[in-house]
Amino acid sequence: MTQTETQSQSRRPKLASSTIPVLAVLAVLLVALAFAGSAYQEPAGYLALLKRAAPLMILAIGQYFVIVSGGFDLSVGSLVTAEVVIAARLIDGDESATLWVMLLMLGIGAFVGLVNGAITTRLLVPSFIVTLGMLLVLDGAVFLWTGGAPRGALSDSFRTVGRQGIDGVPVIGQLPWSVVVLAVIVVLAVLFMRSPTGRTLLAVGDNETAVWLGGGRVERLRTLAFVLSGLSAAVAAILLGGFAGVSAQVGDGLEFRVITAVVLGGVVLGGGRGSVVAAMAGALTLESLFSLLNLLGVAGGLESTVQGVIIIAAVAYAAVNWRRKKP
């Protein structure tokens, strides 16, 4: 076993330390939802919540890879918008175009992630700046192409993934396709983080010099993290397009919401600490919190306030932790 693998295994995410707190908060919110709304007194209500949260949870998994390796990806919201707008324009109601357009969306997501990763690692530009620039590029491109009013239409088969499900399932009636897609991605993400590559990616965020000295390919790993984030944005765009339809604002604010979800799940800004399961749970917790606030009649503007408080607290914690690590 190499030195890099040994160090990576010692930093492997522990369920007890990073996941249990957010799961406890999530459990409290789910119980509160049952008291606040009659819809949540049946399994179907919670399944509908999971269906709504699926795109954010998938984005959180992709963002986790970037944050845990020591970076940020602020471009995911605008990438989701661009993907939905492009898909509607290319499909324009044509059922036969659905499959190849979905594949194209995945390719675009991977390409945007590759560009973000390459500029960050090769040119040594901070990921915050790179992805903020990509956000502006994609927003501008969408506006120029659509004039602010998206054209075209998504096909029925495209929207099936985000809206429909498997009928005849006992107890719940219908199992949404979005939940099935989420489950598959969660399993793949957990398996990836348990692999040598995933453990080394985690170690990169904690001490990239040690990984480099141990023979790890730091640049490739960080670029891979951005590619995975881009792919997660493409999948989220497919689900959101099916669920919400075509809109030039479909991805607005998602970049901040997903970062909030990840840090709420206990993933430390700056990298090296956190669990992919906890990041996903953080996204579901955030969606549950906003659903509860909505049922209680709390103003929607409070959502931004909550996100801001969580991000500031996470940054403050990361700063304190960094100072403690300094010799």
Protein backbone atom coordinates (compact mmCIF):
# COMPACT_ATOMS: atom_id res chain seq x y z
CA MET A 1 0.00 0.00 0.00
CA THR A 2 1.38 3.41 -0.94
CA GLN A 3 1.83 6.31 1.47
CA THR A 4 -0.92 8.25 -0.33
CA GLU A 5 -3.44 5.43 0.07
CA THR A 6 -2.56 5.04 3.75
CA GLN A 7 -3.08 8.75 4.41
CA SER A 8 -6.30 8.74 2.37
CA GLN A 9 -7.77 5.82 4.31
CA SER A 10 -7.09 7.58 7.59
CA ARG A 11 -9.19 10.49 6.34
CA ARG A 12 -12.03 8.35 5.07
CA PRO A 13 -15.41 9.94 5.96
CA LYS A 14 -16.88 8.50 9.16
CA LEU A 15 -20.65 8.15 9.32
CA ALA A 16 -20.83 8.82 13.05
CA SER A 17 -18.86 12.06 12.98
CA SER A 18 -20.24 13.79 9.91
CA THR A 19 -23.63 12.30 9.08
CA ILE A 20 -25.47 11.64 12.33
CA PRO A 21 -25.90 15.35 13.31
CA VAL A 22 -27.54 16.35 10.03
CA LEU A 23 -29.67 13.19 10.04
CA ALA A 24 -30.88 14.11 13.54
CA VAL A 25 -31.89 17.59 12.35
CA LEU A 26 -33.56 16.06 9.30
CA ALA A 27 -35.56 13.66 11.49
CA VAL A 28 -36.82 16.54 13.64
CA LEU A 29 -37.89 18.50 10.55
CA LEU A 30 -39.70 15.50 9.06
CA VAL A 31 -41.65 15.01 12.27
CA ALA A 32 -42.45 18.73 12.36
CA LEU A 33 -43.76 18.54 8.80
CA ALA A 34 -46.20 15.82 9.85
CA PHE A 35 -47.65 18.15 12.48
CA ALA A 36 -47.63 21.23 10.23
CA GLY A 37 -49.27 19.74 7.14
CA SER A 38 -51.76 16.93 6.64
CA ALA A 39 -50.06 15.91 3.37
CA TYR A 40 -47.06 14.68 5.36
CA GLN A 41 -49.15 12.30 7.42
CA GLU A 42 -48.97 9.84 4.54
CA PRO A 43 -45.88 8.27 2.86
CA ALA A 44 -46.86 9.95 -0.42
CA GLY A 45 -46.24 13.38 1.12
CA TYR A 46 -42.66 12.56 2.02
CA LEU A 47 -42.14 10.95 -1.37
CA ALA A 48 -43.28 14.18 -3.02
CA LEU A 49 -40.76 16.05 -0.84
CA LEU A 50 -37.99 13.69 -1.96
CA LYS A 51 -39.07 14.16 -5.58
CA ARG A 52 -38.78 17.96 -5.25
CA ALA A 53 -35.46 17.67 -3.45
CA ALA A 54 -33.89 15.19 -5.88
CA PRO A 55 -32.32 17.79 -8.24
CA LEU A 56 -30.78 19.70 -5.31
CA MET A 57 -29.52 16.48 -3.74
CA ILE A 58 -27.87 15.46 -7.00
CA LEU A 59 -26.28 18.91 -7.32
CA ALA A 60 -25.08 18.59 -3.72
CA ILE A 61 -23.31 15.34 -4.53
CA GLY A 62 -21.47 17.01 -7.41
CA GLN A 63 -20.66 20.10 -5.33
CA TYR A 64 -19.37 17.82 -2.56
CA PHE A 65 -16.66 16.46 -4.86
CA VAL A 66 -15.46 20.00 -5.62
CA ILE A 67 -15.62 21.37 -2.07
CA VAL A 68 -14.03 18.34 -0.46
CA SER A 69 -11.08 18.67 -2.86
CA GLY A 70 -10.60 22.30 -1.84
CA GLY A 71 -12.60 24.23 -4.46
CA PHE A 72 -15.94 25.87 -5.28
CA ASP A 73 -18.28 25.56 -8.23
CA LEU A 74 -20.50 28.62 -8.58
CA SER A 75 -21.44 27.84 -12.18
CA VAL A 76 -23.94 25.02 -11.55
CA GLY A 77 -27.04 27.24 -11.40
CA SER A 78 -26.39 28.96 -14.69
CA LEU A 79 -25.33 25.63 -16.22
CA VAL A 80 -28.69 24.10 -15.27
CA THR A 81 -30.50 27.03 -16.90
CA ALA A 82 -28.38 26.82 -20.04
CA GLU A 83 -28.94 23.06 -20.33
CA VAL A 84 -32.74 23.35 -20.05
CA VAL A 85 -32.90 26.23 -22.56
CA ILE A 86 -30.65 24.39 -25.03
CA ALA A 87 -32.67 21.18 -24.68
CA ALA A 88 -35.97 22.97 -25.35
CA ARG A 89 -34.56 24.71 -28.42
CA LEU A 90 -33.08 21.53 -29.90
CA ILE A 91 -35.97 19.18 -29.11
CA ASP A 92 -38.79 21.62 -29.90
CA GLY A 93 -41.41 18.97 -29.19
CA ASP A 94 -39.74 16.29 -31.34
CA GLU A 95 -39.87 12.96 -29.49
CA SER A 96 -37.16 11.42 -31.67
CA ALA A 97 -34.64 14.05 -30.53
CA THR A 98 -35.05 13.35 -26.81
CA LEU A 99 -32.34 10.73 -26.30
CA TRP A 100 -29.53 12.40 -28.23
CA VAL A 101 -30.30 15.77 -26.64
CA MET A 102 -30.08 14.20 -23.16
CA LEU A 103 -26.71 12.72 -24.09
CA LEU A 104 -25.64 16.12 -25.44
CA MET A 105 -26.64 17.71 -22.12
CA LEU A 106 -24.39 15.29 -20.26
CA GLY A 107 -21.58 16.11 -22.69
CA ILE A 108 -22.04 19.86 -22.21
CA GLY A 109 -22.02 19.43 -18.43
CA ALA A 110 -18.81 17.40 -18.55
CA PHE A 111 -17.20 19.94 -20.92
CA VAL A 112 -18.04 22.93 -18.72
CA GLY A 113 -16.65 21.05 -15.73
CA LEU A 114 -13.51 20.19 -17.68
CA VAL A 115 -12.97 23.86 -18.60
CA ASN A 116 -13.49 24.94 -14.99
CA GLY A 117 -11.09 22.28 -13.75
CA ALA A 118 -8.43 22.91 -16.37
CA ILE A 119 -8.30 26.67 -15.77
CA THR A 120 -8.26 26.16 -12.01
CA THR A 121 -5.50 23.55 -11.96
CA ARG A 122 -3.38 24.46 -14.99
CA LEU A 123 -3.49 28.24 -14.77
CA LEU A 124 -3.76 28.26 -10.95
CA VAL A 125 -6.73 30.63 -10.96
CA PRO A 126 -8.87 30.30 -7.79
CA SER A 127 -11.92 28.15 -8.47
CA PHE A 128 -14.17 30.82 -6.96
CA ILE A 129 -13.10 33.28 -9.69
CA VAL A 130 -13.15 30.71 -12.51
CA THR A 131 -16.63 29.42 -11.79
CA LEU A 132 -17.99 32.90 -11.10
CA GLY A 133 -16.72 33.88 -14.55
CA MET A 134 -18.31 30.75 -16.06
CA LEU A 135 -21.58 31.68 -14.35
CA LEU A 136 -21.53 35.07 -16.09
CA VAL A 137 -20.53 33.54 -19.43
CA LEU A 138 -23.40 31.04 -19.37
CA ASP A 139 -25.93 33.63 -18.18
CA GLY A 140 -24.89 35.99 -20.96
CA ALA A 141 -24.95 33.26 -23.59
CA VAL A 142 -28.46 32.18 -22.59
CA PHE A 143 -29.74 35.76 -22.70
CA LEU A 144 -28.17 36.44 -26.11
CA TRP A 145 -29.57 33.23 -27.57
CA THR A 146 -33.08 33.57 -26.17
CA GLY A 147 -33.49 37.32 -25.76
CA GLY A 148 -34.77 36.60 -22.28
CA ALA A 149 -37.65 34.42 -23.55
CA PRO A 150 -36.75 30.74 -24.14
CA ARG A 151 -38.08 29.21 -27.32
CA GLY A 152 -38.92 25.63 -28.20
CA ALA A 153 -40.52 22.92 -26.09
CA LEU A 154 -39.47 19.79 -24.26
CA SER A 155 -40.95 16.52 -25.48
CA ASP A 156 -43.33 14.45 -23.37
CA SER A 157 -40.76 11.66 -23.04
CA PHE A 158 -38.19 14.19 -21.77
CA ARG A 159 -40.59 15.45 -19.12
CA THR A 160 -41.47 11.91 -18.05
CA VAL A 161 -38.21 11.58 -16.12
CA GLY A 162 -38.97 14.60 -13.96
CA ARG A 163 -42.74 14.19 -13.64
CA GLN A 164 -43.74 10.53 -13.88
CA GLY A 165 -42.74 7.33 -12.14
CA ILE A 166 -43.25 3.60 -11.75
CA ASP A 167 -46.93 2.90 -11.04
CA GLY A 168 -48.38 0.14 -8.89
CA VAL A 169 -45.77 0.25 -6.12
CA PRO A 170 -47.25 -1.03 -2.81
CA VAL A 171 -47.93 1.58 -0.07
CA ILE A 172 -46.66 4.58 -2.04
CA GLY A 173 -48.54 3.99 -5.28
CA GLN A 174 -45.98 5.56 -7.63
CA LEU A 175 -42.19 5.64 -7.34
CA PRO A 176 -40.96 8.79 -9.16
CA TRP A 177 -38.25 8.32 -11.77
CA SER A 178 -36.39 11.22 -10.20
CA VAL A 179 -36.09 9.25 -6.96
CA VAL A 180 -34.83 6.22 -8.89
CA VAL A 181 -32.20 8.37 -10.64
CA LEU A 182 -31.21 9.88 -7.28
CA ALA A 183 -30.82 6.43 -5.71
CA VAL A 184 -28.55 5.24 -8.52
CA ILE A 185 -26.36 8.35 -8.29
CA VAL A 186 -26.12 8.06 -4.49
CA VAL A 187 -24.94 4.45 -4.76
CA LEU A 188 -22.37 5.37 -7.43
CA ALA A 189 -21.12 8.34 -5.37
CA VAL A 190 -20.71 6.26 -2.21
CA LEU A 191 -18.85 3.53 -4.11
CA PHE A 192 -16.61 6.16 -5.72
CA MET A 193 -15.70 7.73 -2.38
CA ARG A 194 -14.84 4.30 -1.00
CA SER A 195 -12.50 3.62 -3.91
CA PRO A 196 -8.79 4.57 -3.81
CA THR A 197 -9.49 7.48 -6.18
CA GLY A 198 -12.26 8.84 -3.96
CA ARG A 199 -10.19 8.55 -0.79
CA THR A 200 -7.30 10.31 -2.47
CA LEU A 201 -9.64 13.08 -3.66
CA LEU A 202 -10.61 13.62 -0.03
CA ALA A 203 -6.96 13.75 0.98
CA VAL A 204 -6.24 16.39 -1.69
CA GLY A 205 -8.50 18.86 0.09
CA ASP A 206 -6.76 18.21 3.41
CA ASN A 207 -3.11 18.20 2.31
CA GLU A 208 -2.41 18.33 -1.41
CA THR A 209 1.36 18.48 -0.83
CA ALA A 210 1.31 15.12 0.97
CA VAL A 211 -0.76 13.62 -1.84
CA TRP A 212 1.63 15.00 -4.45
CA LEU A 213 4.67 13.68 -2.61
CA GLY A 214 2.97 10.31 -2.36
CA GLY A 215 2.55 10.15 -6.13
CA GLY A 216 -1.05 11.34 -6.34
CA ARG A 217 -2.15 13.28 -9.43
CA VAL A 218 -3.58 16.34 -7.74
CA GLU A 219 -4.44 18.27 -10.92
CA ARG A 220 -6.28 15.37 -12.50
CA LEU A 221 -8.24 14.64 -9.35
CA ARG A 222 -9.38 18.24 -8.94
CA THR A 223 -10.33 18.42 -12.61
CA LEU A 224 -12.28 15.18 -12.21
CA ALA A 225 -14.20 16.78 -9.32
CA PHE A 226 -15.31 19.66 -11.56
CA VAL A 227 -16.30 17.25 -14.35
CA LEU A 228 -18.45 15.27 -11.90
CA SER A 229 -20.04 18.53 -10.72
CA GLY A 230 -20.85 19.45 -14.33
CA LEU A 231 -22.39 16.04 -14.93
CA SER A 232 -24.52 16.37 -11.79
CA ALA A 233 -25.76 19.75 -13.06
CA ALA A 234 -26.75 18.13 -16.36
CA VAL A 235 -28.74 15.40 -14.59
CA ALA A 236 -30.39 18.00 -12.34
CA ALA A 237 -31.30 20.00 -15.46
CA ILE A 238 -33.02 16.96 -16.96
CA LEU A 239 -35.08 16.48 -13.80
CA LEU A 240 -35.88 20.18 -13.34
CA GLY A 241 -36.80 20.59 -17.00
CA GLY A 242 -39.22 17.69 -16.70
CA PHE A 243 -40.66 18.89 -13.40
CA ALA A 244 -40.84 22.67 -13.90
CA GLY A 245 -40.68 23.11 -17.68
CA VAL A 246 -38.69 25.62 -19.70
CA SER A 247 -37.65 28.84 -18.01
CA ALA A 248 -34.71 31.23 -18.21
CA GLN A 249 -34.75 31.35 -14.39
CA VAL A 250 -34.92 27.62 -13.66
CA GLY A 251 -31.41 27.55 -12.18
CA ASP A 252 -31.39 30.96 -10.48
CA GLY A 253 -29.84 30.79 -7.02
CA LEU A 254 -29.09 27.08 -7.17
CA GLU A 255 -25.35 27.67 -6.80
CA PHE A 256 -25.83 29.26 -3.38
CA ARG A 257 -28.53 26.84 -2.29
CA VAL A 258 -26.38 23.83 -3.08
CA ILE A 259 -23.33 25.24 -1.24
CA THR A 260 -25.60 25.91 1.74
CA ALA A 261 -26.86 22.33 1.57
CA VAL A 262 -23.36 20.86 1.45
CA VAL A 263 -22.01 22.86 4.41
CA LEU A 264 -25.22 22.14 6.32
CA GLY A 265 -24.28 18.49 5.86
CA GLY A 266 -21.04 19.11 7.72
CA VAL A 267 -18.68 19.32 4.74
CA VAL A 268 -15.89 21.72 5.68
CA LEU A 269 -15.17 24.59 3.28
CA GLY A 270 -11.55 24.32 2.24
CA GLY A 271 -11.77 20.58 1.76
CA GLY A 272 -10.54 17.41 3.38
CA ARG A 273 -13.50 16.70 5.66
CA GLY A 274 -17.04 15.52 5.03
CA SER A 275 -19.25 12.70 3.81
CA VAL A 276 -21.09 12.47 0.51
CA VAL A 277 -24.09 10.98 2.33
CA ALA A 278 -24.08 13.94 4.74
CA ALA A 279 -23.96 16.40 1.81
CA MET A 280 -26.99 14.72 0.28
CA ALA A 281 -28.76 14.71 3.66
CA GLY A 282 -27.95 18.41 4.00
CA ALA A 283 -29.80 19.10 0.74
CA LEU A 284 -32.86 17.17 1.89
CA THR A 285 -32.71 18.95 5.26
CA LEU A 286 -32.64 22.35 3.57
CA GLU A 287 -35.59 21.45 1.34
CA SER A 288 -37.49 20.15 4.37
CA LEU A 289 -36.77 23.36 6.28
CA PHE A 290 -38.06 25.55 3.47
CA SER A 291 -41.16 23.35 3.10
CA LEU A 292 -41.83 23.71 6.83
CA LEU A 293 -41.40 27.49 6.70
CA ASN A 294 -43.82 27.63 3.78
CA LEU A 295 -46.43 25.61 5.69
CA LEU A 296 -46.03 27.93 8.67
CA GLY A 297 -46.64 30.95 6.45
CA VAL A 298 -43.18 32.41 6.91
CA ALA A 299 -42.17 34.89 4.19
CA GLY A 300 -40.26 33.34 1.30
CA GLY A 301 -37.55 35.99 1.57
CA LEU A 302 -36.40 34.30 4.77
CA GLU A 303 -34.95 31.48 2.66
CA SER A 304 -32.12 33.74 1.47
CA THR A 305 -31.49 34.86 5.04
CA VAL A 306 -31.24 31.26 6.24
CA GLN A 307 -28.84 30.37 3.43
CA GLY A 308 -26.70 33.42 4.18
CA VAL A 309 -26.46 32.62 7.89
CA ILE A 310 -25.46 29.01 7.19
CA ILE A 311 -22.77 30.02 4.66
CA ILE A 312 -21.31 32.71 6.95
CA ALA A 313 -21.20 30.27 9.86
CA ALA A 314 -19.51 27.65 7.66
CA VAL A 315 -16.88 30.12 6.41
CA ALA A 316 -16.21 31.29 9.98
CA TYR A 317 -15.80 27.69 11.14
CA ALA A 318 -13.43 26.93 8.24
CA ALA A 319 -11.35 30.03 9.08
CA VAL A 320 -11.06 29.06 12.75
CA ASN A 321 -10.18 25.49 11.81
CA TRP A 322 -7.49 26.72 9.39
CA ARG A 323 -5.90 28.87 12.08
CA ARG A 324 -5.77 25.94 14.46
CA LYS A 325 -4.00 23.84 11.84
CA LYS A 326 -1.31 26.46 11.27
CA PRO A 327 1.99 25.59 12.99
